[in-house]
Every structure is written in structure tokens, then in C-alpha cells.
Protein backbone atom coordinates (compact mmCIF):
# COMPACT_ATOMS: atom_id res chain seq x y z
CA UNK A 1 -173.37 75.63 51.98
CA UNK A 2 -176.24 74.50 49.88
CA UNK A 3 -176.21 70.36 50.96
CA UNK A 4 -178.77 70.29 54.33
CA UNK A 5 -179.76 73.97 53.35
CA UNK A 6 -183.83 74.55 53.60
CA UNK A 7 -185.42 74.20 50.08
CA UNK A 8 -186.79 77.89 49.37
CA UNK A 9 -190.41 77.51 49.21
CA UNK A 10 -190.84 74.38 50.45
CA UNK A 11 -194.69 73.22 52.03
CA UNK A 12 -192.47 70.51 53.79
CA UNK A 13 -189.68 72.38 55.66
CA UNK A 14 -187.67 70.13 52.81
CA UNK A 15 -184.21 70.51 52.54
CA UNK A 16 -181.19 69.96 49.68
CA UNK A 17 -180.19 66.70 49.93
CA UNK A 18 -177.93 66.90 47.04
CA UNK A 19 -176.19 69.19 44.97
CA UNK A 20 -175.32 70.20 41.19
CA UNK A 21 -172.47 71.43 40.56
CA UNK A 22 -171.96 73.35 37.27
CA UNK A 23 -169.98 74.87 35.05
CA UNK A 24 -169.40 78.58 35.31
CA UNK A 25 -170.21 80.78 32.58
CA UNK A 26 -168.83 84.13 32.17
CA UNK A 27 -169.90 87.03 29.79
CA UNK A 28 -172.85 89.03 29.18
CA UNK A 29 -176.66 87.65 30.05
CA UNK A 30 -179.37 88.30 27.78
CA UNK A 31 -183.33 87.04 28.84
CA UNK A 32 -185.14 86.15 26.08
CA UNK A 33 -188.81 86.04 25.93
CA UNK A 34 -190.45 84.28 22.99
CA UNK A 35 -193.99 83.04 21.88
CA UNK A 36 -194.72 80.22 19.71
CA UNK A 37 -197.41 79.35 17.67
CA UNK A 38 -197.69 75.88 16.21
CA UNK A 39 -193.32 76.02 15.58
CA UNK A 40 -193.37 79.55 14.19
CA UNK A 41 -191.50 81.43 16.96
CA UNK A 42 -191.10 85.25 17.58
CA UNK A 43 -189.44 87.27 20.24
CA UNK A 44 -191.03 89.06 22.23
CA UNK A 45 -188.44 91.27 23.92
CA UNK A 46 -184.80 90.89 24.41
CA UNK A 47 -183.57 91.56 27.44
CA UNK A 48 -179.54 92.45 28.59
CA UNK A 49 -179.16 92.21 32.22
CA UNK A 50 -176.42 94.55 34.14
CA UNK A 51 -175.24 92.54 36.86
CA UNK A 52 -172.71 94.24 39.30
CA UNK A 53 -170.82 93.25 42.50
CA UNK A 54 -171.83 94.90 45.92
CA UNK A 55 -172.11 94.31 49.32
CA UNK A 56 -170.20 91.33 48.89
CA UNK A 57 -171.94 89.81 46.33
CA UNK A 58 -170.62 89.06 42.87
CA UNK A 59 -174.25 89.22 40.89
CA UNK A 60 -176.65 91.87 42.21
CA UNK A 61 -179.52 93.34 39.65
CA UNK A 62 -179.07 96.78 38.97
CA UNK A 63 -180.41 97.24 35.57
CA UNK A 64 -183.06 95.07 32.82
CA UNK A 65 -182.54 96.84 29.30
CA UNK A 66 -184.83 96.49 26.83
CA UNK A 67 -183.08 96.45 23.80
CA UNK A 68 -183.51 95.90 20.00
CA UNK A 69 -183.17 92.42 18.37
CA UNK A 70 -183.02 94.01 14.78
CA UNK A 71 -182.57 97.31 13.35
CA UNK A 72 -185.10 99.79 12.40
CA UNK A 73 -183.95 100.06 8.97
CA UNK A 74 -181.33 98.16 6.59
CA UNK A 75 -178.41 101.34 7.43
CA UNK A 76 -177.70 100.45 11.22
CA UNK A 77 -174.71 97.94 11.98
CA UNK A 78 -175.58 94.15 11.58
CA UNK A 79 -176.91 93.30 15.05
CA UNK A 80 -174.63 90.18 14.89
CA UNK A 81 -174.99 89.37 18.80
CA UNK A 82 -178.29 90.02 19.12
CA UNK A 83 -179.33 88.21 15.90
CA UNK A 84 -176.94 84.61 17.30
CA UNK A 85 -178.81 84.83 20.83
CA UNK A 86 -182.56 84.77 19.20
CA UNK A 87 -181.26 82.47 16.71
CA UNK A 88 -179.76 80.17 19.08
CA UNK A 89 -183.22 80.29 21.79
CA UNK A 90 -185.18 79.25 18.40
CA UNK A 91 -182.66 75.97 17.95
CA UNK A 92 -182.88 75.35 21.67
CA UNK A 93 -187.08 75.71 21.77
CA UNK A 94 -186.91 73.44 18.64
CA UNK A 95 -184.84 70.56 20.51
CA UNK A 96 -187.35 70.79 23.16
CA UNK A 97 -190.11 70.72 21.85
CA UNK A 98 -191.74 73.58 22.96
CA UNK A 99 -194.54 74.43 19.64
CA UNK A 100 -196.76 76.49 21.73
CA UNK A 101 -196.91 79.40 24.17
CA UNK A 102 -194.48 81.64 26.50
CA UNK A 103 -191.33 80.82 27.41
CA UNK A 104 -188.81 82.94 29.51
CA UNK A 105 -185.54 81.73 28.50
CA UNK A 106 -181.92 82.80 29.20
CA UNK A 107 -178.27 82.79 27.92
CA UNK A 108 -174.68 83.83 28.36
CA UNK A 109 -172.63 85.39 25.42
CA UNK A 110 -168.88 85.94 25.12
CA UNK A 111 -167.15 86.66 21.93
CA UNK A 112 -163.72 86.12 20.60
CA UNK A 113 -161.34 88.73 20.83
CA UNK A 114 -159.29 87.64 18.13
CA UNK A 115 -161.50 85.78 15.89
CA UNK A 116 -164.71 87.79 16.80
CA UNK A 117 -166.68 84.57 16.88
CA UNK A 118 -169.83 84.49 19.36
CA UNK A 119 -170.12 81.80 21.47
CA UNK A 120 -173.90 81.38 23.33
CA UNK A 121 -175.02 79.06 26.13
CA UNK A 122 -177.86 78.34 28.10
CA UNK A 123 -178.39 79.21 31.54
CA UNK A 124 -182.72 77.88 31.27
CA UNK A 125 -185.66 77.88 29.77
CA UNK A 126 -188.88 78.42 31.49
CA UNK A 127 -192.26 77.61 29.98
CA UNK A 128 -193.92 80.79 31.34
CA UNK A 129 -193.86 84.65 31.50
CA UNK A 130 -190.70 86.66 32.14
CA UNK A 131 -191.29 87.42 36.35
CA UNK A 132 -191.67 91.47 35.75
CA UNK A 133 -194.03 93.75 34.89
CA UNK A 134 -193.02 94.10 31.69
CA UNK A 135 -196.06 95.11 29.79
CA UNK A 136 -195.79 99.05 30.34
CA UNK A 137 -192.46 98.49 29.09
CA UNK A 138 -192.69 97.15 26.21
CA UNK A 139 -196.11 98.58 25.24
CA UNK A 140 -194.39 101.51 25.32
CA UNK A 141 -190.85 100.73 23.34
CA UNK A 142 -191.68 97.71 21.03
CA UNK A 143 -195.19 98.54 20.86
CA UNK A 144 -196.78 95.19 21.80
CA UNK A 145 -196.28 92.85 24.09
CA UNK A 146 -195.76 89.49 25.06
CA UNK A 147 -199.24 88.61 26.38
CA UNK A 148 -201.15 90.19 23.40
CA UNK A 149 -198.69 87.73 21.05
CA UNK A 150 -199.52 85.02 23.28
CA UNK A 151 -203.34 86.12 22.21
CA UNK A 152 -202.50 86.19 18.59
CA UNK A 153 -201.16 82.87 18.77
CA UNK A 154 -203.37 81.01 20.29
CA UNK A 155 -206.79 82.78 18.46
CA UNK A 156 -204.73 83.18 14.90
CA UNK A 157 -205.05 85.49 11.98
CA UNK A 158 -207.96 85.30 9.82
CA UNK A 159 -205.77 83.50 7.32
CA UNK A 160 -204.88 80.22 8.84
CA UNK A 161 -202.68 78.90 5.94
CA UNK A 162 -199.51 78.97 8.08
CA UNK A 163 -200.62 76.59 10.63
CA UNK A 164 -202.37 73.25 10.83
CA UNK A 165 -204.16 74.18 13.99
CA UNK A 166 -208.10 74.96 13.23
CA UNK A 167 -209.48 78.02 15.25
CA UNK A 168 -213.04 78.59 16.52
CA UNK A 169 -215.33 80.51 14.20
CA UNK A 170 -216.40 82.20 17.85
CA UNK A 171 -213.27 83.57 18.19
CA UNK A 172 -212.95 85.66 14.85
CA UNK A 173 -213.59 89.47 16.53
CA UNK A 174 -211.00 88.06 18.74
CA UNK A 175 -208.18 87.25 17.00
CA UNK A 176 -205.13 89.51 16.92
CA UNK A 177 -202.53 89.74 13.48
CA UNK A 178 -199.86 86.86 14.21
CA UNK A 179 -198.36 87.21 10.58
CA UNK A 180 -197.90 91.31 11.40
CA UNK A 181 -195.59 90.82 14.22
CA UNK A 182 -191.78 90.84 13.71
CA UNK A 183 -189.93 87.14 14.12
CA UNK A 184 -187.45 89.97 15.60
CA UNK A 185 -188.28 93.38 16.95
CA UNK A 186 -187.22 96.69 17.00
CA UNK A 187 -187.52 99.28 19.63
CA UNK A 188 -188.33 102.86 18.91
CA UNK A 189 -187.37 104.57 22.97
CA UNK A 190 -184.52 103.66 24.79
CA UNK A 191 -186.31 101.36 27.58
CA UNK A 192 -185.35 99.30 30.82
CA UNK A 193 -186.65 98.19 34.63
CA UNK A 194 -183.75 99.71 37.18
CA UNK A 195 -183.31 97.61 40.37
CA UNK A 196 -182.93 99.32 43.49
CA UNK A 197 -180.25 98.28 45.97
CA UNK A 198 -180.02 98.68 49.58
CA UNK A 199 -176.58 99.63 50.66
CA UNK A 200 -177.82 99.60 54.20
CA UNK A 201 -178.92 96.88 56.92
CA UNK A 202 -180.26 97.28 60.22
CA UNK A 203 -183.32 99.03 61.46
CA UNK A 204 -184.76 101.85 59.28
CA UNK A 205 -184.68 105.35 61.31
CA UNK A 206 -185.41 107.49 58.54
CA UNK A 207 -187.37 107.01 54.68
CA UNK A 208 -185.76 109.91 52.54
CA UNK A 209 -188.79 110.54 50.95
CA UNK A 210 -186.65 113.69 49.13
CA UNK A 211 -184.49 111.00 47.27
CA UNK A 212 -187.21 109.40 46.09
CA UNK A 213 -188.78 112.79 45.09
CA UNK A 214 -185.60 113.42 42.81
CA UNK A 215 -186.11 110.36 41.51
CA UNK A 216 -189.78 110.50 40.05
CA UNK A 217 -188.82 114.01 38.61
CA UNK A 218 -186.26 112.52 36.55
CA UNK A 219 -187.32 112.97 32.26
CA UNK A 220 -186.96 109.34 31.69
CA UNK A 221 -188.82 107.67 34.89
CA UNK A 222 -191.89 106.28 33.54
CA UNK A 223 -193.38 104.59 36.96
CA UNK A 224 -191.52 103.62 40.11
CA UNK A 225 -192.19 101.49 42.90
CA UNK A 226 -190.75 100.74 46.55
CA UNK A 227 -192.28 97.85 48.04
CA UNK A 228 -194.27 98.55 51.39
CA UNK A 229 -192.21 96.74 53.75
CA UNK A 230 -189.07 99.31 53.25
CA UNK A 231 -191.95 102.32 53.60
CA UNK A 232 -192.03 101.83 57.46
CA UNK A 233 -189.16 103.10 59.34
CA UNK A 234 -188.95 100.56 62.57
CA UNK A 235 -188.41 98.07 59.93
CA UNK A 236 -185.46 95.78 59.22
CA UNK A 237 -184.03 96.47 56.16
CA UNK A 238 -180.86 93.98 54.57
CA UNK A 239 -178.16 94.74 52.21
CA UNK A 240 -179.49 94.08 48.78
CA UNK A 241 -177.62 90.36 47.54
CA UNK A 242 -180.23 89.14 44.98
CA UNK A 243 -183.17 89.97 43.18
CA UNK A 244 -184.76 88.62 46.16
CA UNK A 245 -183.38 91.32 48.22
CA UNK A 246 -184.53 94.66 45.99
CA UNK A 247 -186.07 97.21 47.84
CA UNK A 248 -188.34 98.47 44.24
CA UNK A 249 -187.50 99.34 40.89
CA UNK A 250 -188.72 102.20 38.25
CA UNK A 251 -189.18 101.74 34.30
CA UNK A 252 -187.40 104.06 32.24
CA UNK A 253 -187.75 104.93 29.11
CA UNK A 254 -186.42 108.16 26.71
CA UNK A 255 -185.95 108.83 23.15
CA UNK A 256 -182.62 110.40 23.56
CA UNK A 257 -179.61 107.63 24.57
CA UNK A 258 -177.84 110.36 26.67
CA UNK A 259 -180.54 111.69 28.46
CA UNK A 260 -181.11 108.04 29.42
CA UNK A 261 -177.75 107.17 30.31
CA UNK A 262 -177.69 109.72 32.55
CA UNK A 263 -181.11 109.32 34.14
CA UNK A 264 -180.05 105.69 35.11
CA UNK A 265 -177.09 106.35 36.56
CA UNK A 266 -178.60 109.52 38.37
CA UNK A 267 -181.11 106.88 39.32
CA UNK A 268 -178.08 104.19 40.62
CA UNK A 269 -176.56 106.98 42.60
CA UNK A 270 -179.51 107.85 44.88
CA UNK A 271 -180.12 104.60 46.05
CA UNK A 272 -177.12 104.89 48.14
CA UNK A 273 -179.64 107.16 50.07
CA UNK A 274 -182.62 106.00 50.26
CA UNK A 275 -183.10 104.79 53.68
CA UNK A 276 -180.79 105.94 57.06
CA UNK A 277 -180.50 103.23 59.95
CA UNK A 278 -180.22 102.96 63.51
CA UNK A 279 -176.66 103.01 64.43
């Protein structure tokens, strides 16, 4: 029940007085991080969500995968879905007159099985960065990150002919090569953020550090973090039903797609054994 329920994060104990009903959009969800420089728009990262039904909840984050928006060469298969997503987002930002800075946009994509046509539907546009620690993963897999691109957008290139904006001379030594960044990024490795899903509820009786050790030893794992609350026995834990009830995360990356997929599957399976709770 939403009506009359507390507004999350409200400092005044406000409650929802009205409810907006929106059409349910089924399909594959993508997140697109875009940086704009005076109307010139470039994708910083393209992410594909892997949400599954678990713990009685229909859409729980299991993986946020970094995928290429374009091919590394002209010989690979055309990335028609990825290009359609990015072009749709560029048009949405143009329609909203967002010409500067960083945006995080989410869309739902479906493909008609008979005609092959692609339908992209807007979920949301946020004038902010992606709410995750994306820099290590995008630096490793793409070669740069959205925050580097923001600096490039605002501090400019030595050649300013492509923009009507005038840059201060004192920032010459800080300027990054915006014009050298592609509109659609490629990737040089497979990468993803794995969300740690809790499958138990109750008071933590045992933290299975040997399971965490197995996770860290997987070849694809770059880094991982378990939230401190879940590292104290006796604390309460709930089954994960949304991103706010995750118990941690792992960054995974690998040049080898088979090993990458194998390690992702193993990480997801090991999450079932992370914690024991009192019966």
C-alpha cells in the first residue's frame, strides 16, 4: 500500500497523499550514462540490468553488466539494439534541452519477434552520475570514466571551434581531449557489478568468511565489499527484495568471456551460503 505510507527519506515525516499509476513496461532494462558538452552528447557507459525474481520480489538486481555500445572494429555484428538505445537517449536529452553535464538515463527495450523492430521506452532521466562506484570498472574496461568526461566537457580542448562556449585561459593545462572521445564507447574486457543478494532473514548467527574467500579467489573478481552491518554476528538481516536490501557487491572483469560467465554464475550461487541465521 503506497497511499498514506511514509515518504522515504523525508525529514518531516511526510506521507504519500497521491499515487501515480504508470503502465508496466516489460523487456530488458538498460542504463546509459551520458555526458553533454554544449549539446554534443557522448555515452560514457552502457549498462544492462540483470534482474530476477527471488525472495517473493519480482525484480531484484543480480548484475549490472557493462556492455559495448559499438564494435571494436567494422567486422563484428551490428549492435542495433545498443545503437537504438543510445540514439533514443540522445533524442530524449535533446527534447529536455539538457545540453551540459552528466546524465543517468534508464530505458526498457523490447524487440518484435516477427518484424525484428526495436521499441525503446523511457523509464527515467536523472541529471546526476550513476549511483554506484563505476570508476574502477569503466577505467579498466572502457579506458576512461564519466567523471573524466565531465572534466573534458567543461574544461574543453585546445581546439574550441566545435563549441560556442569560451573557456578560461588559466585552464589550458587542465583540458582533456573531448574531441578524441567516441560518441559510443567500446569495451576491451567483460565487466559487471554483481549485487550480493541475501537469501536469509533473521539474526545473524554465523558469517561464513570461507565463502567470502572463495568469492575473492575467483579469477574475474577485481574487488568486493560486504556492508559493515552484515559483518557483526547478532545483527538483523533481511532477504534482499530491492537494491536497498543488498548486502554488498563485487566488481568482476575478464578478457575471457567463458571464464567471466562462469565466475558470475559461481558468485551468484555462493551468495546463498554467505550468512547463517538463528532458527
